Amino acid sequence: MSRAFVKEPESGAPDEPLPPRRISEHPNYVTPSGLQLLQDDLGRLTAERAALLSAGDDAVALEQLRHVERDIAYVEARLGSAIFVDPATQPPDQVAFAAIVTVREQGGHEHTYQIVGEDEADAQAGQVSDVSPLAQALLGSRVGDTVTWKRPLGDLVLTVVSIAYR
């Protein structure tokens, strides 16, 4: 039979599975709040899935359900691979995971960052991923140390002013 007479599924058709969300190859370190965020996301997504399942065969709901189920699989995988880090066990005089670090640029401007897991990172809130170039520059440093943050816009020299853990 000629392929001309075989109906091919349309791209994005409901029976076509979505590709899984990319999961980082880095260790999945989480702070207490990062772990809570993942747990909250799973609860929200599970409730959303239940609401979409109750919508029946509605095409829009079925499409949304595919995305929600993909997100649930991602969050479950992240929770399954989570490595909990208690900030109280980190070295108080050294930048490590979960540290809240205040740094000073050469011009005198100060910035505060917290080193968190990839899923918790939020640049607007000053939370940087532990695998980011900034965190990599800061990890292991102590108050008074200078580090070089390798950025696309050019290197920036920072001095560690303070280190704290919540």
C-alpha atoms as a PDB file:
ATOM      1  CA  MET A   1       0.000   0.000   0.000  1.00  0.00           C
ATOM      2  CA  SER A   2       1.263   3.425  -0.873  1.00  0.00           C
ATOM      3  CA  ARG A   3       2.294   5.705   2.001  1.00  0.00           C
ATOM      4  CA  ALA A   4       0.238   8.417   0.317  1.00  0.00           C
ATOM      5  CA  PHE A   5      -2.905   6.820   1.737  1.00  0.00           C
ATOM      6  CA  VAL A   6      -1.667   6.383   5.317  1.00  0.00           C
ATOM      7  CA  LYS A   7      -2.699   9.125   7.705  1.00  0.00           C
ATOM      8  CA  GLU A   8       0.312  10.356   9.652  1.00  0.00           C
ATOM      9  CA  PRO A   9      -0.325  11.701  13.171  1.00  0.00           C
ATOM     10  CA  GLU A  10      -0.247  15.478  13.304  1.00  0.00           C
ATOM     11  CA  SER A  11       2.644  17.059  15.113  1.00  0.00           C
ATOM     12  CA  GLY A  12       1.645  17.697  18.716  1.00  0.00           C
ATOM     13  CA  ALA A  13      -1.293  15.288  18.566  1.00  0.00           C
ATOM     14  CA  PRO A  14      -2.513  14.267  22.055  1.00  0.00           C
ATOM     15  CA  ASP A  15      -1.310  10.655  21.660  1.00  0.00           C
ATOM     16  CA  GLU A  16       2.219  11.805  20.824  1.00  0.00           C
ATOM     17  CA  PRO A  17       4.292  11.804  24.046  1.00  0.00           C
ATOM     18  CA  LEU A  18       6.070  14.980  25.068  1.00  0.00           C
ATOM     19  CA  PRO A  19       9.825  14.749  25.400  1.00  0.00           C
ATOM     20  CA  PRO A  20      10.882  14.643  29.054  1.00  0.00           C
ATOM     21  CA  ARG A  21      12.222  17.778  30.700  1.00  0.00           C
ATOM     22  CA  ARG A  22      15.993  17.855  30.782  1.00  0.00           C
ATOM     23  CA  ILE A  23      17.447  16.780  34.119  1.00  0.00           C
ATOM     24  CA  SER A  24      20.819  18.169  35.096  1.00  0.00           C
ATOM     25  CA  GLU A  25      23.784  15.825  35.274  1.00  0.00           C
ATOM     26  CA  HIS A  26      25.074  17.647  38.368  1.00  0.00           C
ATOM     27  CA  PRO A  27      24.431  16.378  41.923  1.00  0.00           C
ATOM     28  CA  ASN A  28      21.039  17.657  43.083  1.00  0.00           C
ATOM     29  CA  TYR A  29      21.916  19.466  46.315  1.00  0.00           C
ATOM     30  CA  VAL A  30      18.943  21.130  48.012  1.00  0.00           C
ATOM     31  CA  THR A  31      18.553  23.554  50.901  1.00  0.00           C
ATOM     32  CA  PRO A  32      15.608  23.139  53.299  1.00  0.00           C
ATOM     33  CA  SER A  33      13.645  25.742  51.326  1.00  0.00           C
ATOM     34  CA  GLY A  34      14.652  24.142  48.017  1.00  0.00           C
ATOM     35  CA  LEU A  35      13.319  20.794  49.204  1.00  0.00           C
ATOM     36  CA  GLN A  36      10.094  22.475  50.327  1.00  0.00           C
ATOM     37  CA  LEU A  37       9.732  24.158  46.916  1.00  0.00           C
ATOM     38  CA  LEU A  38       9.982  20.796  45.157  1.00  0.00           C
ATOM     39  CA  GLN A  39       7.451  19.228  47.536  1.00  0.00           C
ATOM     40  CA  ASP A  40       5.083  22.181  47.048  1.00  0.00           C
ATOM     41  CA  ASP A  41       5.443  21.914  43.261  1.00  0.00           C
ATOM     42  CA  LEU A  42       4.575  18.218  43.387  1.00  0.00           C
ATOM     43  CA  GLY A  43       1.472  18.909  45.497  1.00  0.00           C
ATOM     44  CA  ARG A  44       0.337  21.713  43.175  1.00  0.00           C
ATOM     45  CA  LEU A  45       0.921  19.617  40.054  1.00  0.00           C
ATOM     46  CA  THR A  46      -0.849  16.581  41.521  1.00  0.00           C
ATOM     47  CA  ALA A  47      -3.902  18.724  42.324  1.00  0.00           C
ATOM     48  CA  GLU A  48      -3.785  20.221  38.836  1.00  0.00           C
ATOM     49  CA  ARG A  49      -3.632  16.726  37.315  1.00  0.00           C
ATOM     50  CA  ALA A  50      -6.700  15.638  39.325  1.00  0.00           C
ATOM     51  CA  ALA A  51      -8.654  18.679  38.114  1.00  0.00           C
ATOM     52  CA  LEU A  52      -7.669  18.035  34.499  1.00  0.00           C
ATOM     53  CA  LEU A  53      -8.617  14.349  34.743  1.00  0.00           C
ATOM     54  CA  SER A  54     -12.067  15.330  35.949  1.00  0.00           C
ATOM     55  CA  ALA A  55     -12.527  17.468  32.817  1.00  0.00           C
ATOM     56  CA  GLY A  56     -13.106  14.316  30.761  1.00  0.00           C
ATOM     57  CA  ASP A  57     -12.226  14.266  27.073  1.00  0.00           C
ATOM     58  CA  ASP A  58     -11.871  18.012  26.665  1.00  0.00           C
ATOM     59  CA  ALA A  59      -9.067  18.468  24.090  1.00  0.00           C
ATOM     60  CA  VAL A  60      -7.561  21.502  25.830  1.00  0.00           C
ATOM     61  CA  ALA A  61      -7.561  19.745  29.212  1.00  0.00           C
ATOM     62  CA  LEU A  62      -5.966  16.647  27.683  1.00  0.00           C
ATOM     63  CA  GLU A  63      -3.191  18.761  26.169  1.00  0.00           C
ATOM     64  CA  GLN A  64      -2.604  20.521  29.506  1.00  0.00           C
ATOM     65  CA  LEU A  65      -2.604  17.121  31.227  1.00  0.00           C
ATOM     66  CA  ARG A  66       0.290  15.947  29.028  1.00  0.00           C
ATOM     67  CA  HIS A  67       2.361  18.936  30.178  1.00  0.00           C
ATOM     68  CA  VAL A  68       1.400  18.502  33.836  1.00  0.00           C
ATOM     69  CA  GLU A  69       2.296  14.812  33.782  1.00  0.00           C
ATOM     70  CA  ARG A  70       5.667  15.618  32.217  1.00  0.00           C
ATOM     71  CA  ASP A  71       6.285  18.208  34.966  1.00  0.00           C
ATOM     72  CA  ILE A  72       5.254  15.713  37.659  1.00  0.00           C
ATOM     73  CA  ALA A  73       7.775  13.198  36.299  1.00  0.00           C
ATOM     74  CA  TYR A  74      10.482  15.890  36.413  1.00  0.00           C
ATOM     75  CA  VAL A  75       9.705  16.968  39.993  1.00  0.00           C
ATOM     76  CA  GLU A  76       9.489  13.351  41.183  1.00  0.00           C
ATOM     77  CA  ALA A  77      12.897  12.662  39.617  1.00  0.00           C
ATOM     78  CA  ARG A  78      14.370  15.756  41.280  1.00  0.00           C
ATOM     79  CA  LEU A  79      12.919  14.762  44.650  1.00  0.00           C
ATOM     80  CA  GLY A  80      14.257  11.240  44.171  1.00  0.00           C
ATOM     81  CA  SER A  81      17.764  12.523  43.485  1.00  0.00           C
ATOM     82  CA  ALA A  82      17.725  15.316  46.087  1.00  0.00           C
ATOM     83  CA  ILE A  83      20.749  15.504  48.400  1.00  0.00           C
ATOM     84  CA  PHE A  84      19.601  17.460  51.434  1.00  0.00           C
ATOM     85  CA  VAL A  85      22.175  19.847  52.897  1.00  0.00           C
ATOM     86  CA  ASP A  86      21.565  21.207  56.377  1.00  0.00           C
ATOM     87  CA  PRO A  87      23.067  24.712  56.465  1.00  0.00           C
ATOM     88  CA  ALA A  88      23.900  24.206  60.164  1.00  0.00           C
ATOM     89  CA  THR A  89      26.449  21.548  59.156  1.00  0.00           C
ATOM     90  CA  GLN A  90      28.345  23.812  56.754  1.00  0.00           C
ATOM     91  CA  PRO A  91      31.679  25.411  57.736  1.00  0.00           C
ATOM     92  CA  PRO A  92      30.759  28.828  59.186  1.00  0.00           C
ATOM     93  CA  ASP A  93      33.985  30.493  58.052  1.00  0.00           C
ATOM     94  CA  GLN A  94      33.984  29.232  54.472  1.00  0.00           C
ATOM     95  CA  VAL A  95      31.656  29.580  51.472  1.00  0.00           C
ATOM     96  CA  ALA A  96      29.872  26.280  50.887  1.00  0.00           C
ATOM     97  CA  PHE A  97      26.483  25.189  49.600  1.00  0.00           C
ATOM     98  CA  ALA A  98      23.631  27.199  51.200  1.00  0.00           C
ATOM     99  CA  ALA A  99      25.952  30.063  52.181  1.00  0.00           C
ATOM    100  CA  ILE A 100      24.678  33.612  52.108  1.00  0.00           C
ATOM    101  CA  VAL A 101      27.673  35.575  50.853  1.00  0.00           C
ATOM    102  CA  THR A 102      28.133  39.327  50.714  1.00  0.00           C
ATOM    103  CA  VAL A 103      30.756  40.455  48.222  1.00  0.00           C
ATOM    104  CA  ARG A 104      32.184  43.840  47.280  1.00  0.00           C
ATOM    105  CA  GLU A 105      33.127  44.854  43.758  1.00  0.00           C
ATOM    106  CA  GLN A 106      36.301  46.873  43.192  1.00  0.00           C
ATOM    107  CA  GLY A 107      34.142  50.018  42.882  1.00  0.00           C
ATOM    108  CA  GLY A 108      32.703  49.486  46.359  1.00  0.00           C
ATOM    109  CA  HIS A 109      29.246  48.172  45.445  1.00  0.00           C
ATOM    110  CA  GLU A 110      28.150  45.270  47.652  1.00  0.00           C
ATOM    111  CA  HIS A 111      25.879  42.388  46.650  1.00  0.00           C
ATOM    112  CA  THR A 112      24.526  39.454  48.628  1.00  0.00           C
ATOM    113  CA  TYR A 113      23.971  36.016  47.100  1.00  0.00           C
ATOM    114  CA  GLN A 114      22.851  32.668  48.457  1.00  0.00           C
ATOM    115  CA  ILE A 115      24.253  29.519  46.897  1.00  0.00           C
ATOM    116  CA  VAL A 116      21.366  27.119  46.293  1.00  0.00           C
ATOM    117  CA  GLY A 117      20.436  24.127  44.138  1.00  0.00           C
ATOM    118  CA  GLU A 118      19.565  24.453  40.467  1.00  0.00           C
ATOM    119  CA  ASP A 119      15.800  24.194  41.005  1.00  0.00           C
ATOM    120  CA  GLU A 120      15.838  26.897  43.680  1.00  0.00           C
ATOM    121  CA  ALA A 121      17.982  29.410  41.783  1.00  0.00           C
ATOM    122  CA  ASP A 122      16.367  32.816  41.273  1.00  0.00           C
ATOM    123  CA  ALA A 123      18.696  35.568  40.068  1.00  0.00           C
ATOM    124  CA  GLN A 124      16.176  38.308  40.948  1.00  0.00           C
ATOM    125  CA  ALA A 125      16.180  37.109  44.576  1.00  0.00           C
ATOM    126  CA  GLY A 126      19.985  36.778  44.712  1.00  0.00           C
ATOM    127  CA  GLN A 127      19.849  32.975  44.765  1.00  0.00           C
ATOM    128  CA  VAL A 128      22.478  31.495  42.468  1.00  0.00           C
ATOM    129  CA  SER A 129      22.850  27.890  41.435  1.00  0.00           C
ATOM    130  CA  ASP A 130      25.755  26.001  42.933  1.00  0.00           C
ATOM    131  CA  VAL A 131      26.900  25.112  39.407  1.00  0.00           C
ATOM    132  CA  SER A 132      26.863  28.722  38.160  1.00  0.00           C
ATOM    133  CA  PRO A 133      30.159  30.499  37.403  1.00  0.00           C
ATOM    134  CA  LEU A 134      29.561  32.917  40.307  1.00  0.00           C
ATOM    135  CA  ALA A 135      29.018  30.126  42.832  1.00  0.00           C
ATOM    136  CA  GLN A 136      31.988  28.199  41.458  1.00  0.00           C
ATOM    137  CA  ALA A 137      34.176  31.275  41.978  1.00  0.00           C
ATOM    138  CA  LEU A 138      32.933  31.750  45.551  1.00  0.00           C
ATOM    139  CA  LEU A 139      32.898  28.154  46.825  1.00  0.00           C
ATOM    140  CA  GLY A 140      35.736  27.507  49.259  1.00  0.00           C
ATOM    141  CA  SER A 141      36.566  31.174  49.807  1.00  0.00           C
ATOM    142  CA  ARG A 142      36.713  32.936  53.180  1.00  0.00           C
ATOM    143  CA  VAL A 143      36.079  36.478  54.405  1.00  0.00           C
ATOM    144  CA  GLY A 144      38.727  38.770  52.929  1.00  0.00           C
ATOM    145  CA  ASP A 145      39.488  36.521  49.952  1.00  0.00           C
ATOM    146  CA  THR A 146      39.245  37.930  46.452  1.00  0.00           C
ATOM    147  CA  VAL A 147      37.772  35.807  43.689  1.00  0.00           C
ATOM    148  CA  THR A 148      37.349  36.328  39.972  1.00  0.00           C
ATOM    149  CA  TRP A 149      33.887  35.808  38.563  1.00  0.00           C
ATOM    150  CA  LYS A 150      34.305  34.808  34.908  1.00  0.00           C
ATOM    151  CA  ARG A 151      31.408  36.449  33.060  1.00  0.00           C
ATOM    152  CA  PRO A 152      30.564  36.837  29.369  1.00  0.00           C
ATOM    153  CA  LEU A 153      30.706  40.626  29.883  1.00  0.00           C
ATOM    154  CA  GLY A 154      34.195  40.338  31.334  1.00  0.00           C
ATOM    155  CA  ASP A 155      35.798  39.161  34.535  1.00  0.00           C
ATOM    156  CA  LEU A 156      34.733  40.803  37.786  1.00  0.00           C
ATOM    157  CA  VAL A 157      36.948  40.734  40.879  1.00  0.00           C
ATOM    158  CA  LEU A 158      34.984  40.356  44.123  1.00  0.00           C
ATOM    159  CA  THR A 159      36.069  40.477  47.749  1.00  0.00           C
ATOM    160  CA  VAL A 160      34.182  38.275  50.229  1.00  0.00           C
ATOM    161  CA  VAL A 161      32.820  40.570  52.965  1.00  0.00           C
ATOM    162  CA  SER A 162      30.712  38.141  55.005  1.00  0.00           C
ATOM    163  CA  ILE A 163      29.475  34.562  55.105  1.00  0.00           C
ATOM    164  CA  ALA A 164      26.339  33.383  56.904  1.00  0.00           C
ATOM    165  CA  TYR A 165      24.007  30.397  56.976  1.00  0.00           C
ATOM    166  CA  ARG A 166      20.287  30.395  57.848  1.00  0.00           C
END
